[in-house]
Protein backbone atom coordinates (compact mmCIF):
# COMPACT_ATOMS: atom_id res chain seq x y z
CA MET A 1 112.34 50.92 -51.26
CA SER A 2 112.85 48.56 -48.37
CA SER A 3 115.12 49.08 -45.41
CA ILE A 4 116.88 46.33 -43.49
CA GLY A 5 119.41 47.21 -40.81
CA GLY A 6 118.99 50.90 -41.60
CA LYS A 7 120.15 50.54 -45.22
CA SER A 8 117.69 51.36 -48.01
CA ARG A 9 117.50 49.12 -51.06
CA GLU A 10 115.82 49.63 -54.40
CA PRO A 11 113.23 47.00 -55.43
CA GLY A 12 115.02 43.93 -56.79
CA GLU A 13 118.37 44.95 -55.32
CA GLY A 14 120.04 42.32 -53.16
CA HIS A 15 121.43 42.50 -49.65
CA GLY A 16 124.95 43.60 -48.88
CA TYR A 17 127.24 46.31 -50.17
CA ARG A 18 129.14 47.23 -53.32
CA PHE A 19 132.69 47.36 -51.91
CA TRP A 20 134.34 44.76 -49.68
CA VAL A 21 137.81 44.48 -48.10
CA VAL A 22 139.78 41.38 -47.04
CA PRO A 23 143.08 42.50 -45.49
CA ASP A 24 144.54 39.00 -44.88
CA GLY A 25 145.31 36.70 -47.77
CA TYR A 26 147.95 34.00 -48.24
CA LEU A 27 147.68 31.46 -51.02
CA ALA A 28 149.88 28.64 -49.69
CA SER A 29 151.67 26.18 -51.92
CA SER A 30 150.30 22.67 -52.01
CA PRO A 31 152.39 19.53 -52.02
CA GLY A 32 152.66 17.91 -55.46
CA VAL A 33 150.30 15.18 -54.31
CA PRO A 34 147.32 16.01 -52.09
CA PRO A 35 147.97 14.86 -48.50
CA GLY A 36 146.05 11.79 -47.36
CA PRO A 37 142.77 10.60 -48.79
CA SER A 38 141.21 14.09 -48.86
CA GLY A 39 142.37 15.00 -52.38
CA TYR A 40 142.33 18.69 -51.41
CA PHE A 41 144.80 21.36 -52.46
CA SER A 42 145.56 24.52 -50.51
CA HIS A 43 143.41 27.35 -51.79
CA GLU A 44 141.49 30.45 -50.87
CA SER A 45 138.01 31.35 -52.07
CA VAL A 46 136.09 34.57 -52.27
CA CYS A 47 132.54 33.43 -51.56
CA ILE A 48 129.91 35.80 -52.94
CA LEU A 49 126.13 35.90 -52.64
CA ASN A 50 124.03 37.93 -55.06
CA ASP A 51 120.41 37.61 -53.97
CA GLY A 52 119.33 40.48 -56.22
CA ASP A 53 117.30 40.32 -59.42
CA ARG A 54 120.15 41.17 -61.83
CA PRO A 55 123.68 39.85 -62.39
CA ALA A 56 126.43 41.57 -60.42
CA GLY A 57 129.42 42.73 -62.47
CA CYS A 58 132.42 42.54 -60.14
CA LYS A 59 136.14 43.31 -60.10
CA LEU A 60 138.81 41.73 -57.92
CA HIS A 61 141.81 43.84 -56.86
CA LEU A 62 144.86 42.27 -55.15
CA TYR A 63 147.50 44.23 -53.23
CA PHE A 64 150.92 42.87 -52.24
CA GLU A 65 153.65 43.98 -49.83
CA ASN A 66 156.54 44.17 -52.31
CA ARG A 67 155.11 44.08 -55.81
CA ASP A 68 152.64 45.96 -57.96
CA PRO A 69 148.95 45.25 -57.42
CA VAL A 70 146.84 43.17 -59.77
CA LEU A 71 143.78 45.32 -60.39
CA GLY A 72 140.45 44.88 -62.10
CA ILE A 73 140.12 41.12 -62.63
CA PRO A 74 136.52 40.92 -63.87
CA PHE A 75 133.95 38.30 -62.92
CA GLU A 76 130.18 38.06 -62.68
CA VAL A 77 127.79 36.60 -60.13
CA GLY A 78 124.46 35.69 -61.66
CA ALA A 79 121.16 37.00 -60.35
CA ARG A 80 120.04 35.06 -57.27
CA ARG A 81 123.24 32.99 -57.33
CA SER A 82 126.34 32.35 -55.29
CA LEU A 83 129.90 32.05 -56.53
CA HIS A 84 132.94 30.52 -54.87
CA LEU A 85 135.81 32.18 -56.73
CA ARG A 86 138.81 29.89 -56.18
CA LEU A 87 141.87 32.13 -56.06
CA ASP A 88 144.21 29.28 -57.01
CA GLN A 89 142.41 29.20 -60.38
CA VAL A 90 142.10 32.95 -61.04
CA LYS A 91 144.44 34.39 -63.68
CA ASP A 92 145.74 37.93 -63.97
CA HIS A 93 145.46 40.05 -67.14
CA ALA A 94 148.56 38.36 -68.59
CA GLY A 95 146.98 34.91 -68.16
CA GLN A 96 149.21 33.96 -65.20
CA LEU A 97 147.91 32.25 -62.08
CA LEU A 98 148.08 34.35 -58.95
CA PRO A 99 151.35 33.99 -57.02
CA ARG A 100 151.59 31.59 -54.09
CA ASP A 101 153.38 31.99 -50.79
CA LEU A 102 152.98 35.78 -50.74
CA PRO A 103 150.83 37.72 -48.29
CA TYR A 104 148.24 39.90 -49.97
CA SER A 105 145.06 41.86 -49.36
CA LEU A 106 142.09 42.10 -51.68
CA THR A 107 139.06 44.19 -52.43
CA VAL A 108 135.94 43.29 -54.35
CA GLU A 109 133.85 45.95 -56.04
CA SER A 110 130.47 45.36 -57.62
CA ASP A 111 127.92 47.30 -59.61
CA SER A 112 125.18 46.00 -57.28
CA ASN A 113 124.89 44.84 -53.69
CA ILE A 114 126.59 41.54 -52.82
CA VAL A 115 127.72 39.76 -49.66
CA VAL A 116 131.36 38.58 -49.48
CA GLN A 117 133.04 35.96 -47.31
CA HIS A 118 136.67 34.77 -47.50
CA SER A 119 137.81 31.19 -46.86
CA ARG A 120 141.21 29.49 -46.73
CA LEU A 121 142.05 25.78 -46.84
CA ASP A 122 145.68 25.10 -45.88
CA CYS A 123 146.92 21.61 -46.80
CA THR A 124 150.60 22.22 -46.12
CA GLN A 125 150.44 19.93 -43.09
CA GLU A 126 148.78 16.62 -42.22
CA ASN A 127 146.16 18.35 -40.08
CA LEU A 128 144.29 20.42 -42.63
CA ALA A 129 143.35 23.92 -41.54
CA LEU A 130 140.19 25.70 -42.69
CA PHE A 131 139.21 29.21 -41.76
CA THR A 132 136.55 31.56 -42.99
CA THR A 133 135.65 35.13 -42.20
CA MET A 134 133.25 37.76 -43.42
CA ALA A 135 134.84 40.47 -45.51
CA PHE A 136 134.61 44.05 -44.28
CA PRO A 137 131.95 46.13 -46.07
CA ALA A 138 133.48 49.53 -46.75
CA PRO A 139 132.05 52.72 -48.19
CA ASP A 140 132.11 52.59 -51.96
CA PRO A 141 135.10 54.76 -53.05
CA ARG A 142 133.12 55.79 -56.14
CA ASP A 143 130.60 57.66 -53.95
């Protein structure tokens, strides 16, 4: 076992944690035609690093202010890979794209350690806005 930052890891297990929280989400609508020469559309991404030796089986859970949550959207991050999960392309269990123009929060759970970052590109104005923040690593509720 190795220990970095006071946290023990099994051999081959990657850095990070198994449960992550992003309390601020807002998937803004995009104009019908991308603004200017950029060709970008408004979107948010859950950026995930799995530097471990095995694939990470993950689930995305979304929580809304005035509607039922969308829970357990499965995805995988390969061993020693990164994934930028574009939330404007994710579909719920009924095959529907996630709703736009609604505030939400999300959690990511994994069966192995991962690192999670959240990014937003807002193209609803001429001056594009990009922000990114690290997700909050929380104790795994399964423990």
